Every structure is written in C-alpha cells, then in structure tokens.
C-alpha cells in the first residue's frame, strides 16, 4: 500500500469508527503523508473511480497544490444570501466529522468551490450546474505543500457502517493511487477551428455609453466584460489545459472546477482574500499594459504604466476600497504607499499587496462578502457600477470575476477571483475578459486590451500558438 500499513489502517478505522459513532458523527477523515503522487495524474484519471466532480488549485507562489475528486458532501445554492448559507452549512459539517488529530495546513476536510459574480441570475443557462454558489467536500484529495505530499480521504458513516466497509473503501482509493497516482496522462491535441467575438461593435458602444454616464453621474469606474466563443477540433481536456497553464505560469493561480461535463477554468493573477490563523492577505490589481517583445520594451511599458495617470487613478480606486473595507475587520493593515509592477504572461499590471491582522470573530466568508466585487472587478461606487454592468452586458457573468477557492474547518482558506477564464463543455468554450473603464478610457484601446487578455487561456485550450 502507498500509505500506512494494513495493521495501522485497521487500528485507525476501528478506533475512529467507535469514537465517531459514540459522538454521533456522520463522517470520518483520514490524512496520510505519502511520496510519489502527482496531483495532475490523480485529477486526470478521476473517472476511474466513477466520479463526476473535480477541482484543481495551485496558488501564485506554487507553495500549495490541491486536487480534490468525488463529492462526499455538496453545498449548493441558487438563491441570494449564499455567503451566509454556505458558512452555516460548513459549520454544521464541522460538527459532524470525526478527525483524529490536527492536520497540516491544506489537509483534512476542505470545502472546495466558489460563488457567482452576482447573487442572482437574469438567465442561468450556461451556469445552471454551478448556481450562485457551489462547494463540495472531496472524497479523495491530494495536497502538495513545502512540508510534503498528503492524501486526505473522507468517509460517510451511519449506524450500519462496519470496519470492513471503511477498509474496503480505503483499499479502493489506495489501489487507484497505486495504479494512477504517477501514471503519465496522454492528451489529444485540440486545435481551435472557429472563434467568434460576441458583438464587438456593440461592446465598443457600451464602453462609450459608460464613459458618457461617468460624465453625467456619480460613477468613477466600471469594469466591462466581453466574451469570445471558441470551437475546437475535439473535446477540450482540462488536464491538458492545466498542463499548458502550469508550463507558462509566473504569478498566476491555476484553478479548475468541474461539475459533470462542464468545467470552469481560470488562470488568474488576482487574490481576493486569504486567511491563515489570524493573518489575512489581499491584493490590489488594476491598471495594465501589454508586455513588449524585448526586455527594453518591457522596461518602457513598465515605466509608462507607473506614470500613467489613467492607470494610477484606476489602481487608486482599488487600493482605497480594499483598505477601507478591511479596516472594519482588522486590527492593523500593512499597505505600501506606491504600487509595483506585476508581470504575467501577456500583461504588466499595477500591483499593491495588502496584509492585516484579523479580528477574532470575523470569518473568511464575511470578508469575501464585504470585498466582492472590488473596483478591479466591478467598479466604483460598487452599487452604481454593478447596476450599469447589468444594463450593458448581454452575457451572464456567472463565475467570471467571482470568488473561487477553498476553506478548512479552522477558517483558513484562500480565494482568488476567476478572471482570465473560460467555461468549457465538450469542444466548445466561452472565454471571458474585462477591463476597467474610466473617463479617460479610449474604447478601441480597451477592446485591444481585452483581446490580449483572451490569448493565454485561448492558447492553453488549443488556440494558435503564434498568437500573443
């Protein structure tokens, strides 16, 4: 066996089952430290266990990789107040699970999932499976940290559950890991055969409308999203997409969330909020410029961006908003006085990190609800900007630009915003990209910027490799 020996496993499950039943628990969690398991292999071969849900996550620093497959417990809402509803269900689950000991960060029972951009849908055809919030506790999860590689396996029990039942399930997972945990996935190369940018002229006109509204009303910034529909020569394989994104990553998260035959994929550079014990981290990311082809051109673009009034004004909205919001929930905040440059594959961004010490009673769900959407994703003021987005955008945002991540039973977690993203089903994908509109914006330049933002995901899905 890859993990603990047979005698140790029997002893663990025998003791855990007795204690769990005595405490009227419904679930048992087991964590093992192992070697020679690759998270992408576990993700890729998930169907061998008959599972239909999977999640992949690697953070900006690549210091934490998670992949979870199969649903032990789903938390699913398609109504308003989804933040508090998910938080209540997660707390209830925590009271029902038996855990033998405190586990390493990123292991043990985790809720994996996210929320929609808006709390309601005008129409949810593309996003019906996802709803306005969807999380699941995986049956089997791999965690790769600087401390090593860990397997978390979770089991549902009842009064009739026997030791043999648990050992049988454990062996099934162990056999799966033995056979597929280091097996190299093979991929069929999918090529983009058709691209359709949704109503480009209408989108440019919507930018002009937004600029005019800023002159007439109390609106300082709005973020407008546009979409690109792509068709590929064969079914898009999200494992291959992860491989492509990981191979070219620098400061991006790589995230996928699959429910049945639909998968949301994001290669976002932007964290919304992370919490570890009493420390929270966020970031301000707004203002961008296309990268050059040489170091000299990149240096010129970075200098231009740092001195651009339009981009610095746009960035300042985000900094002030996050600072004023987190002040309500933190004892202290550390925010640099000037932005720095973050370089992604195709773009340079103005970037300001934020770190604080959280008040004891505040949950990560409360912070998500308070922060989302930041001016980097919605606009400023928030309510006015979001109303205009609803009026001007014909395509439902769904989980685009929305919080997606994970949380543990101690309240630790990490949530990014799902930009630079796509919703994929079979051989079709809908790509999403947006940009911040202020009074000084030039509609044609904003159109070009969103086009640049499409390219990394389009190429990873199977687009033309010579596009940039």
Protein backbone atom coordinates (compact mmCIF):
# COMPACT_ATOMS: atom_id res chain seq x y z
CA UNK A 1 0.00 0.00 0.00
CA UNK A 2 1.14 3.57 -0.70
CA UNK A 3 0.18 4.91 2.70
CA UNK A 4 0.13 3.46 6.20
CA UNK A 5 0.48 -0.29 6.59
CA UNK A 6 -2.52 -2.61 6.80
CA UNK A 7 -2.34 -3.08 10.56
CA UNK A 8 -2.12 0.65 11.18
CA UNK A 9 -5.09 1.26 8.88
CA UNK A 10 -7.20 -1.37 10.64
CA UNK A 11 -6.36 0.13 14.03
CA UNK A 12 -7.12 3.67 12.84
CA UNK A 13 -10.51 2.87 11.33
CA UNK A 14 -11.54 0.60 14.19
CA UNK A 15 -10.83 3.28 16.77
CA UNK A 16 -12.24 6.11 14.65
CA UNK A 17 -15.45 4.27 13.87
CA UNK A 18 -16.09 3.53 17.54
CA UNK A 19 -15.42 7.11 18.60
CA UNK A 20 -17.39 8.62 15.72
CA UNK A 21 -20.47 6.53 16.44
CA UNK A 22 -20.19 7.30 20.15
CA UNK A 23 -20.21 11.03 19.32
CA UNK A 24 -22.97 10.68 16.69
CA UNK A 25 -20.67 11.82 13.90
CA UNK A 26 -21.61 11.27 10.25
CA UNK A 27 -18.15 11.45 8.68
CA UNK A 28 -14.60 10.25 9.26
CA UNK A 29 -11.48 11.90 7.85
CA UNK A 30 -8.07 10.25 7.43
CA UNK A 31 -4.85 12.05 6.44
CA UNK A 32 -1.68 10.24 5.32
CA UNK A 33 1.69 11.63 4.31
CA UNK A 34 2.98 9.89 1.19
CA UNK A 35 5.52 10.05 -1.62
CA UNK A 36 5.41 9.68 -5.40
CA UNK A 37 1.95 11.01 -6.14
CA UNK A 38 1.36 13.66 -8.79
CA UNK A 39 -1.77 15.77 -8.31
CA UNK A 40 -2.41 16.18 -12.04
CA UNK A 41 -2.39 12.39 -12.51
CA UNK A 42 -4.95 11.99 -9.72
CA UNK A 43 -7.02 14.77 -11.31
CA UNK A 44 -6.79 13.35 -14.83
CA UNK A 45 -7.87 9.75 -14.09
CA UNK A 46 -10.73 10.70 -11.73
CA UNK A 47 -13.32 8.91 -13.88
CA UNK A 48 -11.68 5.56 -13.00
CA UNK A 49 -13.42 5.89 -9.62
CA UNK A 50 -16.73 6.82 -11.22
CA UNK A 51 -16.51 10.45 -10.03
CA UNK A 52 -18.03 13.40 -11.90
CA UNK A 53 -16.64 16.33 -9.89
CA UNK A 54 -13.09 17.54 -9.58
CA UNK A 55 -11.13 20.59 -8.51
CA UNK A 56 -7.56 21.73 -9.16
CA UNK A 57 -5.76 24.59 -7.45
CA UNK A 58 -2.22 25.89 -7.46
CA UNK A 59 -1.50 29.24 -5.87
CA UNK A 60 0.62 32.14 -7.08
CA UNK A 61 3.73 31.06 -5.21
CA UNK A 62 3.19 27.40 -6.20
CA UNK A 63 3.58 26.65 -2.49
CA UNK A 64 0.23 24.85 -2.32
CA UNK A 65 -1.33 22.49 -4.87
CA UNK A 66 -4.71 20.87 -4.24
CA UNK A 67 -6.74 18.46 -6.26
CA UNK A 68 -10.00 17.01 -4.99
CA UNK A 69 -12.14 14.39 -6.75
CA UNK A 70 -15.58 12.98 -5.99
CA UNK A 71 -18.22 14.57 -3.78
CA UNK A 72 -18.66 13.47 -0.19
CA UNK A 73 -20.98 16.39 0.64
CA UNK A 74 -22.18 19.17 -1.72
CA UNK A 75 -23.16 22.67 -0.62
CA UNK A 76 -25.21 24.17 -3.42
CA UNK A 77 -27.34 27.32 -3.54
CA UNK A 78 -29.05 29.27 -6.30
CA UNK A 79 -30.54 31.95 -4.10
CA UNK A 80 -29.49 35.22 -2.51
CA UNK A 81 -27.62 35.24 0.82
CA UNK A 82 -25.39 32.45 -0.47
CA UNK A 83 -22.41 33.54 1.65
CA UNK A 84 -24.17 33.06 4.97
CA UNK A 85 -25.90 29.89 3.72
CA UNK A 86 -22.61 28.23 2.77
CA UNK A 87 -20.98 29.35 6.02
CA UNK A 88 -23.79 27.78 8.08
CA UNK A 89 -23.61 24.51 6.17
CA UNK A 90 -19.82 24.39 6.54
CA UNK A 91 -20.05 24.94 10.30
CA UNK A 92 -22.66 22.21 10.52
CA UNK A 93 -20.42 19.82 8.60
CA UNK A 94 -17.57 20.60 11.00
CA UNK A 95 -19.71 19.41 13.90
CA UNK A 96 -20.45 16.14 12.12
CA UNK A 97 -16.96 15.00 11.11
CA UNK A 98 -14.55 12.97 13.24
CA UNK A 99 -10.85 13.85 12.88
CA UNK A 100 -8.21 12.01 14.88
CA UNK A 101 -5.71 14.89 15.13
CA UNK A 102 -4.82 18.38 13.97
CA UNK A 103 -3.60 18.24 10.39
CA UNK A 104 -1.11 20.12 8.25
CA UNK A 105 -2.31 23.32 6.54
CA UNK A 106 -4.31 22.47 3.42
CA UNK A 107 -5.17 18.93 4.53
CA UNK A 108 -8.15 17.35 6.26
CA UNK A 109 -11.72 18.15 5.22
CA UNK A 110 -11.81 21.15 2.90
CA UNK A 111 -14.73 22.82 1.16
CA UNK A 112 -13.73 23.49 -2.45
CA UNK A 113 -15.77 25.84 -4.59
CA UNK A 114 -16.93 29.34 -5.31
CA UNK A 115 -19.66 31.89 -5.83
CA UNK A 116 -21.20 33.67 -8.80
CA UNK A 117 -20.39 37.30 -9.56
CA UNK A 118 -23.95 38.44 -8.86
CA UNK A 119 -26.22 36.97 -6.20
CA UNK A 120 -28.95 36.34 -8.79
CA UNK A 121 -29.02 35.40 -12.46
CA UNK A 122 -31.05 37.06 -15.20
CA UNK A 123 -30.71 33.74 -17.02
CA UNK A 124 -28.53 30.85 -15.89
CA UNK A 125 -28.45 28.57 -18.93
CA UNK A 126 -24.65 28.31 -19.01
CA UNK A 127 -24.30 28.25 -15.22
CA UNK A 128 -27.21 26.07 -14.11
CA UNK A 129 -24.99 23.36 -12.58
CA UNK A 130 -22.92 25.93 -10.68
CA UNK A 131 -25.72 28.08 -9.30
CA UNK A 132 -24.84 31.20 -7.33
CA UNK A 133 -22.65 29.08 -5.05
CA UNK A 134 -21.33 25.56 -5.17
CA UNK A 135 -18.85 23.81 -2.88
CA UNK A 136 -18.05 20.18 -2.23
CA UNK A 137 -16.02 18.20 0.28
CA UNK A 138 -14.00 15.76 -1.85
CA UNK A 139 -13.91 12.05 -1.17
CA UNK A 140 -10.22 11.97 -2.11
CA UNK A 141 -7.80 14.91 -2.09
CA UNK A 142 -4.10 15.42 -2.75
CA UNK A 143 -2.27 18.29 -1.03
CA UNK A 144 1.27 19.26 -2.03
CA UNK A 145 2.99 21.73 0.31
CA UNK A 146 6.53 22.60 1.33
CA UNK A 147 6.04 20.08 4.14
CA UNK A 148 5.38 17.21 1.74
CA UNK A 149 2.57 15.44 -0.09
CA UNK A 150 -0.59 14.34 1.73
CA UNK A 151 -3.67 12.26 0.96
CA UNK A 152 -6.96 13.18 2.60
CA UNK A 153 -9.72 10.58 2.33
CA UNK A 154 -13.21 11.24 3.70
CA UNK A 155 -15.92 8.69 4.51
CA UNK A 156 -19.62 8.89 5.30
CA UNK A 157 -20.85 6.56 8.06
CA UNK A 158 -24.10 5.55 9.70
CA UNK A 159 -25.21 3.11 12.39
CA UNK A 160 -24.79 0.16 9.99
CA UNK A 161 -21.28 1.06 8.78
CA UNK A 162 -18.73 -1.64 9.60
CA UNK A 163 -14.96 -1.69 9.83
CA UNK A 164 -14.90 -3.81 6.67
CA UNK A 165 -16.88 -1.12 4.81
CA UNK A 166 -14.27 1.53 5.63
CA UNK A 167 -11.32 -0.73 4.85
CA UNK A 168 -12.87 -1.68 1.52
CA UNK A 169 -13.29 1.98 0.54
CA UNK A 170 -9.79 2.81 1.76
CA UNK A 171 -8.36 -0.04 -0.33
CA UNK A 172 -10.22 1.18 -3.40
CA UNK A 173 -8.63 4.62 -3.05
CA UNK A 174 -5.24 3.07 -2.34
CA UNK A 175 -5.43 0.84 -5.40
CA UNK A 176 -6.40 3.86 -7.50
CA UNK A 177 -3.40 5.83 -6.26
CA UNK A 178 -1.12 2.84 -6.78
CA UNK A 179 -2.25 2.46 -10.38
CA UNK A 180 -2.82 6.05 -11.47
CA UNK A 181 -1.08 8.34 -8.95
CA UNK A 182 2.07 8.62 -11.06
CA UNK A 183 0.70 7.50 -14.44
CA UNK A 184 1.56 9.97 -17.19
CA UNK A 185 -1.62 11.34 -18.80
CA UNK A 186 -1.77 11.30 -22.58
CA UNK A 187 -3.53 14.07 -24.45
CA UNK A 188 -5.11 14.53 -27.83
CA UNK A 189 -4.10 17.89 -29.24
CA UNK A 190 -7.20 20.01 -29.71
CA UNK A 191 -7.00 22.94 -32.11
CA UNK A 192 -9.22 25.98 -32.30
CA UNK A 193 -11.22 25.80 -35.53
CA UNK A 194 -13.54 28.76 -35.01
CA UNK A 195 -13.52 31.97 -32.96
CA UNK A 196 -16.44 34.34 -32.55
CA UNK A 197 -16.03 37.54 -30.55
CA UNK A 198 -19.51 38.40 -29.31
CA UNK A 199 -20.79 41.65 -30.85
CA UNK A 200 -17.51 43.65 -30.81
CA UNK A 201 -19.09 46.82 -32.19
CA UNK A 202 -21.82 46.71 -29.56
CA UNK A 203 -19.17 46.23 -26.84
CA UNK A 204 -17.25 49.31 -28.00
CA UNK A 205 -20.51 51.24 -27.93
CA UNK A 206 -21.16 50.04 -24.36
CA UNK A 207 -17.77 51.49 -23.37
CA UNK A 208 -18.76 54.82 -24.90
CA UNK A 209 -22.07 54.67 -23.03
CA UNK A 210 -20.26 54.01 -19.74
CA UNK A 211 -17.86 56.92 -20.32
CA UNK A 212 -20.77 59.25 -21.03
CA UNK A 213 -22.54 58.09 -17.86
CA UNK A 214 -19.41 58.88 -15.85
CA UNK A 215 -19.58 62.44 -17.10
CA UNK A 216 -23.27 62.74 -16.26
CA UNK A 217 -23.50 60.84 -12.94
CA UNK A 218 -21.57 59.86 -9.81
CA UNK A 219 -19.69 56.96 -11.38
CA UNK A 220 -15.90 56.92 -11.37
CA UNK A 221 -15.12 53.48 -12.79
CA UNK A 222 -16.88 50.44 -14.22
CA UNK A 223 -15.41 47.10 -15.34
CA UNK A 224 -16.97 45.76 -18.54
CA UNK A 225 -16.55 42.16 -19.59
CA UNK A 226 -16.75 40.73 -23.08
CA UNK A 227 -16.79 37.15 -24.31
CA UNK A 228 -15.28 35.06 -27.05
CA UNK A 229 -16.84 31.79 -28.18
CA UNK A 230 -14.37 29.18 -29.43
CA UNK A 231 -14.92 25.79 -31.05
CA UNK A 232 -12.18 23.15 -31.08
CA UNK A 233 -11.38 20.15 -33.24
CA UNK A 234 -12.01 17.74 -30.37
CA UNK A 235 -13.21 17.75 -26.78
CA UNK A 236 -11.17 20.09 -24.62
CA UNK A 237 -9.26 18.17 -21.95
CA UNK A 238 -8.93 20.27 -18.80
CA UNK A 239 -5.91 18.21 -17.68
CA UNK A 240 -4.12 19.34 -20.84
CA UNK A 241 -5.20 22.93 -20.18
CA UNK A 242 -3.75 22.75 -16.65
CA UNK A 243 -0.52 21.34 -18.08
CA UNK A 244 -0.27 24.19 -20.59
CA UNK A 245 -1.07 26.86 -17.99
CA UNK A 246 1.39 25.43 -15.48
CA UNK A 247 4.13 25.29 -18.11
CA UNK A 248 3.85 29.03 -18.82
CA UNK A 249 2.79 30.32 -15.41
CA UNK A 250 4.55 33.02 -13.45
CA UNK A 251 2.35 34.70 -10.84
CA UNK A 252 -0.98 33.16 -11.75
CA UNK A 253 -3.26 30.84 -9.87
CA UNK A 254 -4.32 27.86 -11.97
CA UNK A 255 -7.83 26.74 -11.00
CA UNK A 256 -10.44 24.37 -12.42
CA UNK A 257 -13.84 23.42 -11.06
CA UNK A 258 -15.74 20.67 -12.85
CA UNK A 259 -19.34 19.59 -12.31
CA UNK A 260 -20.48 16.73 -14.55
CA UNK A 261 -19.49 17.68 -18.11
CA UNK A 262 -18.87 21.41 -17.55
CA UNK A 263 -15.63 22.90 -16.23
CA UNK A 264 -14.73 26.45 -15.24
CA UNK A 265 -11.04 27.23 -15.76
CA UNK A 266 -9.18 30.31 -14.55
CA UNK A 267 -5.56 31.44 -14.77
CA UNK A 268 -6.00 34.48 -12.59
CA UNK A 269 -3.23 36.66 -11.16
CA UNK A 270 -5.57 38.13 -8.56
CA UNK A 271 -6.20 37.05 -5.00
CA UNK A 272 -9.33 38.31 -3.29
CA UNK A 273 -8.59 37.18 0.26
CA UNK A 274 -6.54 34.54 2.04
CA UNK A 275 -6.59 33.70 5.74
CA UNK A 276 -4.08 31.70 7.76
CA UNK A 277 -4.69 31.78 11.51
CA UNK A 278 -5.11 35.49 12.31
CA UNK A 279 -3.33 36.87 9.23
CA UNK A 280 -5.21 37.88 6.11
CA UNK A 281 -3.78 38.78 2.71
CA UNK A 282 -5.35 40.56 -0.22
CA UNK A 283 -4.07 42.45 -3.22
CA UNK A 284 -4.88 45.44 -5.36
CA UNK A 285 -4.50 44.70 -9.07
CA UNK A 286 -5.72 47.30 -11.52
CA UNK A 287 -4.13 49.19 -14.39
CA UNK A 288 -2.42 47.25 -17.15
CA UNK A 289 -0.28 47.44 -20.27
CA UNK A 290 0.72 44.91 -22.90
CA UNK A 291 4.17 43.38 -22.48
CA UNK A 292 6.82 44.09 -25.07
CA UNK A 293 8.80 41.58 -27.09
CA UNK A 294 12.15 42.51 -25.50
CA UNK A 295 13.45 43.46 -22.05
CA UNK A 296 13.85 47.03 -23.25
CA UNK A 297 10.26 47.21 -24.48
CA UNK A 298 9.03 45.69 -21.20
CA UNK A 299 11.00 48.28 -19.24
CA UNK A 300 9.50 51.10 -21.31
CA UNK A 301 5.99 49.67 -20.85
CA UNK A 302 6.51 49.36 -17.07
CA UNK A 303 7.73 52.95 -16.80
CA UNK A 304 4.80 54.16 -18.84
CA UNK A 305 2.37 52.20 -16.65
CA UNK A 306 3.88 53.52 -13.40
CA UNK A 307 3.47 57.08 -14.68
CA UNK A 308 0.09 56.73 -16.39
CA UNK A 309 -2.49 58.95 -14.71
CA UNK A 310 -5.39 56.91 -16.08
CA UNK A 311 -3.99 53.62 -14.77
CA UNK A 312 -2.88 55.04 -11.43
CA UNK A 313 -6.32 56.57 -10.88
CA UNK A 314 -7.89 53.20 -11.68
CA UNK A 315 -5.49 51.48 -9.29
CA UNK A 316 -6.18 54.01 -6.52
CA UNK A 317 -9.89 53.13 -6.54
CA UNK A 318 -8.99 49.53 -5.70
CA UNK A 319 -6.41 50.40 -3.04
CA UNK A 320 -8.73 52.77 -1.21
CA UNK A 321 -11.67 50.38 -1.39
CA UNK A 322 -9.77 47.36 -0.04
CA UNK A 323 -8.09 49.47 2.64
CA UNK A 324 -11.35 51.00 3.87
CA UNK A 325 -13.18 47.65 3.75
CA UNK A 326 -10.55 45.62 5.60
CA UNK A 327 -10.15 48.31 8.27
CA UNK A 328 -13.57 47.27 9.55
CA UNK A 329 -12.37 43.70 10.16
CA UNK A 330 -8.66 44.03 11.03
CA UNK A 331 -6.65 45.37 13.94
CA UNK A 332 -3.90 46.58 11.65
CA UNK A 333 -3.13 46.75 7.94
CA UNK A 334 0.11 46.95 6.01
CA UNK A 335 -0.21 48.57 2.57
CA UNK A 336 2.70 50.06 0.57
CA UNK A 337 2.23 53.70 -0.41
CA UNK A 338 3.00 53.16 -4.09
CA UNK A 339 2.23 50.31 -6.49
CA UNK A 340 4.77 48.00 -8.06
CA UNK A 341 4.73 46.05 -11.32
CA UNK A 342 3.38 42.51 -11.62
CA UNK A 343 4.24 40.77 -14.90
CA UNK A 344 2.00 37.99 -16.21
CA UNK A 345 2.48 36.13 -19.48
CA UNK A 346 0.91 38.81 -21.68
CA UNK A 347 0.46 41.88 -19.50
CA UNK A 348 2.03 44.16 -16.93
CA UNK A 349 -0.17 45.22 -14.00
CA UNK A 350 -0.02 47.79 -11.24
CA UNK A 351 0.04 45.76 -8.04
CA UNK A 352 -0.16 46.61 -4.33
CA UNK A 353 -0.10 43.82 -1.70
CA UNK A 354 -2.22 44.07 1.46
CA UNK A 355 -1.75 42.23 4.75
CA UNK A 356 -3.61 42.54 8.03
CA UNK A 357 -4.35 41.01 11.42
CA UNK A 358 -7.97 39.92 11.51
CA UNK A 359 -10.36 40.42 14.41
CA UNK A 360 -11.04 37.11 16.13
CA UNK A 361 -14.76 36.79 15.35
CA UNK A 362 -14.50 37.53 11.61
CA UNK A 363 -14.79 34.63 9.12
CA UNK A 364 -13.34 34.41 5.64
CA UNK A 365 -16.91 34.26 4.29
CA UNK A 366 -17.61 37.64 5.88
CA UNK A 367 -14.51 39.08 4.22
CA UNK A 368 -15.47 37.64 0.82
CA UNK A 369 -18.93 39.15 1.06
CA UNK A 370 -17.57 42.53 2.16
CA UNK A 371 -14.88 42.75 -0.52
CA UNK A 372 -16.60 41.31 -3.58
CA UNK A 373 -16.66 42.78 -6.10
CA UNK A 374 -13.70 45.09 -5.66
CA UNK A 375 -13.38 48.07 -8.02
CA UNK A 376 -10.94 45.89 -10.01
CA UNK A 377 -13.85 43.62 -10.99
CA UNK A 378 -16.96 45.77 -10.60
CA UNK A 379 -16.20 49.46 -10.40
CA UNK A 380 -16.71 52.38 -8.06
CA UNK A 381 -19.04 53.15 -6.40
CA UNK A 382 -19.90 49.46 -6.24
CA UNK A 383 -23.70 49.66 -6.40
CA UNK A 384 -23.82 52.14 -9.29
CA UNK A 385 -21.19 50.23 -11.25
CA UNK A 386 -22.89 46.87 -10.79
CA UNK A 387 -26.22 48.30 -11.90
CA UNK A 388 -24.59 49.57 -15.09
CA UNK A 389 -22.89 46.22 -15.70
CA UNK A 390 -26.28 44.53 -15.55
CA UNK A 391 -27.64 47.02 -18.07
CA UNK A 392 -24.76 46.93 -20.56
CA UNK A 393 -23.53 43.32 -20.54
CA UNK A 394 -25.75 40.94 -22.55
CA UNK A 395 -23.89 37.79 -21.43
CA UNK A 396 -24.29 36.46 -17.86
CA UNK A 397 -21.01 36.69 -15.95
CA UNK A 398 -21.63 33.55 -13.93
CA UNK A 399 -18.42 32.76 -12.03
CA UNK A 400 -16.30 35.09 -14.12
CA UNK A 401 -14.59 37.58 -11.81
CA UNK A 402 -16.13 35.90 -8.77
CA UNK A 403 -14.54 34.32 -5.66
CA UNK A 404 -13.30 30.75 -6.08
CA UNK A 405 -11.11 28.81 -3.65
CA UNK A 406 -11.16 26.66 -0.53
CA UNK A 407 -11.65 26.76 3.24
CA UNK A 408 -10.76 24.39 6.09
CA UNK A 409 -12.53 23.72 9.39
CA UNK A 410 -10.27 26.18 11.23
CA UNK A 411 -11.43 29.01 8.98
CA UNK A 412 -8.20 29.15 6.97
CA UNK A 413 -8.55 29.45 3.22
CA UNK A 414 -7.64 31.20 0.01
CA UNK A 415 -9.95 32.75 -2.59
CA UNK A 416 -8.96 34.20 -5.95
CA UNK A 417 -11.18 35.98 -8.47
CA UNK A 418 -11.98 33.98 -11.60
CA UNK A 419 -10.65 36.26 -14.33
CA UNK A 420 -8.67 35.20 -17.44
CA UNK A 421 -11.16 32.36 -17.52
CA UNK A 422 -13.32 30.09 -19.64
CA UNK A 423 -16.38 27.90 -19.26
CA UNK A 424 -15.82 24.68 -21.19
CA UNK A 425 -18.20 21.94 -22.32
CA UNK A 426 -17.17 19.25 -24.80
CA UNK A 427 -15.40 21.00 -27.71
CA UNK A 428 -16.77 24.47 -27.01
CA UNK A 429 -15.55 27.21 -24.70
CA UNK A 430 -16.75 30.64 -23.71
CA UNK A 431 -13.85 32.90 -22.73
CA UNK A 432 -14.21 35.96 -20.51
CA UNK A 433 -12.07 39.10 -20.29
CA UNK A 434 -12.73 42.55 -18.90
CA UNK A 435 -11.13 45.92 -18.38
CA UNK A 436 -11.64 48.92 -16.18
CA UNK A 437 -13.34 51.90 -17.80
CA UNK A 438 -12.74 55.43 -16.50
CA UNK A 439 -13.45 58.83 -18.06
CA UNK A 440 -10.09 58.91 -19.85
CA UNK A 441 -10.56 55.45 -21.40
CA UNK A 442 -10.39 55.04 -25.17
CA UNK A 443 -12.88 52.36 -26.31
CA UNK A 444 -10.68 50.94 -29.09
CA UNK A 445 -7.72 50.60 -26.71
CA UNK A 446 -9.89 48.82 -24.15
CA UNK A 447 -11.08 46.45 -26.88
CA UNK A 448 -7.46 45.65 -27.76
CA UNK A 449 -6.59 45.10 -24.07
CA UNK A 450 -9.36 42.54 -23.59
CA UNK A 451 -8.17 40.80 -26.74
CA UNK A 452 -4.71 40.43 -25.21
CA UNK A 453 -6.30 39.03 -22.05
CA UNK A 454 -8.07 36.30 -24.03
CA UNK A 455 -4.87 34.89 -25.52
CA UNK A 456 -3.23 32.92 -22.65
CA UNK A 457 -6.40 30.93 -21.99
CA UNK A 458 -7.22 30.55 -25.68
CA UNK A 459 -3.75 29.15 -26.36
CA UNK A 460 -3.96 26.78 -23.39
CA UNK A 461 -7.30 25.49 -24.63
CA UNK A 462 -5.87 24.85 -28.10
CA UNK A 463 -5.58 28.18 -29.82
CA UNK A 464 -2.95 29.25 -32.29
CA UNK A 465 0.47 29.13 -30.61
CA UNK A 466 1.81 32.10 -32.59
CA UNK A 467 -0.82 34.48 -31.24
CA UNK A 468 0.27 36.81 -28.43
